[in-house]
């Protein structure tokens, strides 16, 4: 996901650079759309962004791990319950 966003940002940056160099004619509606998107992005350094992204990823991985652990515990509990139920002992 991160690489995809980096490619898109790089593409937008290249487009703006070509306009500034006079290689491409400007498109005002596209410029307004870019400004709208850019104004919504909070100003953060790349290090802060990467840390927030990695923290979020770690949280998601932890939730996934815990859900698998709970499923395994439930399966084990169910097997133990059926193994030691009164019907089994009779």
Foldseek 3Di string as FASTA:
>chain_A
DVVVVVVVVVVVVVVVVCVVVVNDPDDVVVVVVVVVVVVPDDDDDPVVVVVVVVVVVVVVVVVVVVVVVVVVVVVVVVVVCVCPPPVNVD
